[in-house]
Amino acid sequence: MGQFESCRRILLAFGLMKCAPFVSAMAAVVVLGCSREAPIPPPAPNEQDLNITIGGFIQGGNEQQKMDGVCNTDDTRHVLNCDIYNGLPGWRVTELVIKLAWAPYSDDNVRDYRQRVSILPQTTASLHVLLGTQLPADTKIRGKTLRHYHWLIIGAKAVPAQSAPS
């Protein structure tokens, strides 16, 4: 069965084929448009893996230059919202790998999240990571919040800053 035929069956099921041709055409566009996934951008032609150490430094690099940031969850604890600073003057970061671990800290509670980004040198960018799980609730003790998860930048891809389009 072709894509048009399956779309026609959906429209028939909802009784939209009896409406004016314009409404049927618009419904077909909506049905077809929603069924396609967004394209994943191709890697930059001169993209390189950066070995990021604990602390956000490039392995063997200057300790003044590092990836850093803050991450918090949304109210549902299904999304990790991060502001990441690219302190690497020679690189436009194009991809980050974030390791996330949460209580009770077993192998089942550790995941790596790979996120395409575009962070120019010495700038901060926001990113939102859909976790596919719900993190444990925070605990408040004597007015202080105790989070039951930890995150760390463990990898990055980047292109040399001079070759990066602005």
Protein backbone atom coordinates (compact mmCIF):
# COMPACT_ATOMS: atom_id res chain seq x y z
CA MET A 1 0.00 0.00 0.00
CA GLY A 2 1.44 3.35 -1.06
CA GLN A 3 1.83 6.38 1.15
CA PHE A 4 -1.14 8.11 -0.56
CA GLU A 5 -3.40 5.09 -0.01
CA SER A 6 -2.51 4.85 3.70
CA CYS A 7 -3.14 8.58 4.08
CA ARG A 8 -6.51 8.22 2.28
CA ARG A 9 -7.50 5.42 4.70
CA ILE A 10 -6.63 7.60 7.68
CA LEU A 11 -8.71 10.45 6.27
CA LEU A 12 -11.63 8.08 5.61
CA ALA A 13 -11.43 6.78 9.17
CA PHE A 14 -11.82 10.31 10.49
CA GLY A 15 -14.52 11.17 7.93
CA LEU A 16 -12.43 13.88 6.31
CA MET A 17 -12.77 12.64 2.71
CA LYS A 18 -16.40 13.87 2.74
CA CYS A 19 -15.25 17.44 3.46
CA ALA A 20 -14.11 19.93 0.89
CA PRO A 21 -10.99 18.93 -1.09
CA PHE A 22 -9.03 21.71 0.63
CA VAL A 23 -9.63 20.23 4.10
CA SER A 24 -8.65 16.77 2.85
CA ALA A 25 -5.47 18.11 1.31
CA MET A 26 -4.53 19.98 4.50
CA ALA A 27 -5.18 16.88 6.62
CA ALA A 28 -2.97 14.82 4.31
CA VAL A 29 -0.16 17.36 4.69
CA VAL A 30 -0.46 17.18 8.48
CA VAL A 31 -0.48 13.36 8.53
CA LEU A 32 2.49 13.10 6.18
CA GLY A 33 4.43 15.88 7.87
CA CYS A 34 4.14 14.34 11.31
CA SER A 35 5.33 10.92 10.21
CA ARG A 36 8.81 12.04 9.19
CA GLU A 37 11.75 12.33 11.55
CA ALA A 38 13.87 15.47 11.64
CA PRO A 39 17.13 15.02 9.73
CA ILE A 40 20.32 14.66 11.76
CA PRO A 41 22.84 17.26 10.66
CA PRO A 42 25.93 15.75 9.06
CA PRO A 43 29.24 16.10 10.89
CA ALA A 44 31.39 19.06 9.95
CA PRO A 45 34.01 18.14 7.31
CA ASN A 46 37.02 18.72 9.59
CA GLU A 47 35.39 17.66 12.87
CA GLN A 48 37.81 16.15 15.38
CA ASP A 49 37.36 14.15 18.58
CA LEU A 50 38.59 16.00 21.66
CA ASN A 51 39.73 13.85 24.57
CA ILE A 52 38.10 15.52 27.57
CA THR A 53 39.45 14.64 31.01
CA ILE A 54 37.64 14.76 34.35
CA GLY A 55 37.26 18.43 35.05
CA GLY A 56 36.52 19.36 31.41
CA PHE A 57 40.11 19.84 30.19
CA ILE A 58 41.50 18.70 26.83
CA GLN A 59 43.90 15.86 27.56
CA GLY A 60 47.45 17.26 27.55
CA GLY A 61 46.12 20.81 27.18
CA ASN A 62 46.29 24.05 29.10
CA GLU A 63 44.50 23.99 32.47
CA GLN A 64 43.11 27.49 31.80
CA GLN A 65 41.09 26.13 28.86
CA LYS A 66 38.18 23.85 29.72
CA MET A 67 34.57 22.88 29.07
CA ASP A 68 32.39 23.77 32.03
CA GLY A 69 28.77 24.41 32.91
CA VAL A 70 25.76 23.87 35.09
CA CYS A 71 22.93 21.38 34.62
CA ASN A 72 19.59 21.09 36.39
CA THR A 73 16.46 19.11 35.68
CA ASP A 74 13.06 20.44 34.75
CA ASP A 75 10.17 20.03 37.22
CA THR A 76 9.37 16.54 35.90
CA ARG A 77 13.03 15.40 36.13
CA HIS A 78 12.76 14.00 32.57
CA VAL A 79 14.91 16.73 30.96
CA LEU A 80 18.40 17.91 31.83
CA ASN A 81 18.78 21.65 31.11
CA CYS A 82 22.40 22.74 30.79
CA ASP A 83 24.34 25.94 30.21
CA ILE A 84 27.73 24.84 28.86
CA TYR A 85 30.72 27.17 28.55
CA ASN A 86 33.27 26.51 25.81
CA GLY A 87 36.53 27.73 27.30
CA LEU A 88 38.57 26.29 24.40
CA PRO A 89 39.70 29.33 22.36
CA GLY A 90 40.75 27.34 19.29
CA TRP A 91 37.61 25.21 18.92
CA ARG A 92 33.92 25.49 18.01
CA VAL A 93 32.34 22.55 19.82
CA THR A 94 29.92 20.60 17.59
CA GLU A 95 29.03 17.65 19.84
CA LEU A 96 29.09 16.85 23.55
CA VAL A 97 28.92 13.55 25.38
CA ILE A 98 27.51 13.88 28.89
CA LYS A 99 27.63 11.02 31.39
CA LEU A 100 24.76 11.05 33.86
CA ALA A 101 24.59 8.87 36.99
CA TRP A 102 21.82 8.77 39.57
CA ALA A 103 20.97 7.04 42.84
CA PRO A 104 21.32 4.21 43.71
CA TYR A 105 24.40 4.45 41.42
CA SER A 106 24.42 1.00 39.88
CA ASP A 107 25.36 0.09 36.30
CA ASP A 108 21.68 0.41 35.34
CA ASN A 109 21.65 4.02 36.53
CA VAL A 110 24.45 5.40 34.35
CA ARG A 111 23.94 6.65 30.80
CA ASP A 112 25.87 8.58 28.18
CA TYR A 113 23.97 11.24 26.21
CA ARG A 114 25.38 12.48 22.90
CA GLN A 115 24.11 15.92 21.90
CA ARG A 116 24.81 17.91 18.71
CA VAL A 117 25.61 21.54 19.59
CA SER A 118 27.31 24.59 18.18
CA ILE A 119 29.23 26.44 20.87
CA LEU A 120 31.65 29.12 19.70
CA PRO A 121 34.91 29.65 21.61
CA GLN A 122 34.54 31.46 24.92
CA THR A 123 30.74 31.48 24.78
CA THR A 124 27.98 29.73 26.70
CA ALA A 125 25.15 27.80 25.04
CA SER A 126 22.03 26.19 26.46
CA LEU A 127 21.11 22.63 25.67
CA HIS A 128 18.25 20.40 26.71
CA VAL A 129 18.76 16.65 26.97
CA LEU A 130 15.71 14.37 26.94
CA LEU A 131 16.64 11.65 29.41
CA GLY A 132 14.20 8.87 28.61
CA THR A 133 13.88 8.24 32.34
CA GLN A 134 12.88 10.15 35.45
CA LEU A 135 15.65 11.12 37.84
CA PRO A 136 15.06 10.64 41.58
CA ALA A 137 13.59 13.54 43.52
CA ASP A 138 15.88 15.92 45.39
CA THR A 139 16.01 15.82 49.19
CA LYS A 140 15.94 18.95 51.33
CA ILE A 141 17.93 18.78 54.56
CA ARG A 142 18.11 21.83 56.81
CA GLY A 143 17.28 24.15 53.93
CA LYS A 144 19.88 22.67 51.57
CA THR A 145 19.02 20.68 48.46
CA LEU A 146 20.69 17.31 48.01
CA ARG A 147 20.55 16.11 44.41
CA HIS A 148 20.60 12.41 43.70
CA TYR A 149 22.29 12.66 40.30
CA HIS A 150 25.63 13.80 38.92
CA TRP A 151 26.75 14.71 35.40
CA LEU A 152 30.09 15.07 33.68
CA ILE A 153 31.28 16.06 30.19
CA ILE A 154 33.24 13.02 29.00
CA GLY A 155 33.72 13.77 25.32
CA ALA A 156 33.40 16.39 22.63
CA LYS A 157 33.81 16.91 18.92
CA ALA A 158 34.88 20.24 17.52
CA VAL A 159 36.18 22.06 14.48
CA PRO A 160 39.04 24.57 14.50
CA ALA A 161 37.55 28.01 15.28
CA GLN A 162 39.05 29.72 12.23
CA SER A 163 37.27 27.30 9.88
CA ALA A 164 33.94 27.53 11.72
CA PRO A 165 31.19 29.50 9.99
CA SER A 166 29.73 32.24 12.17
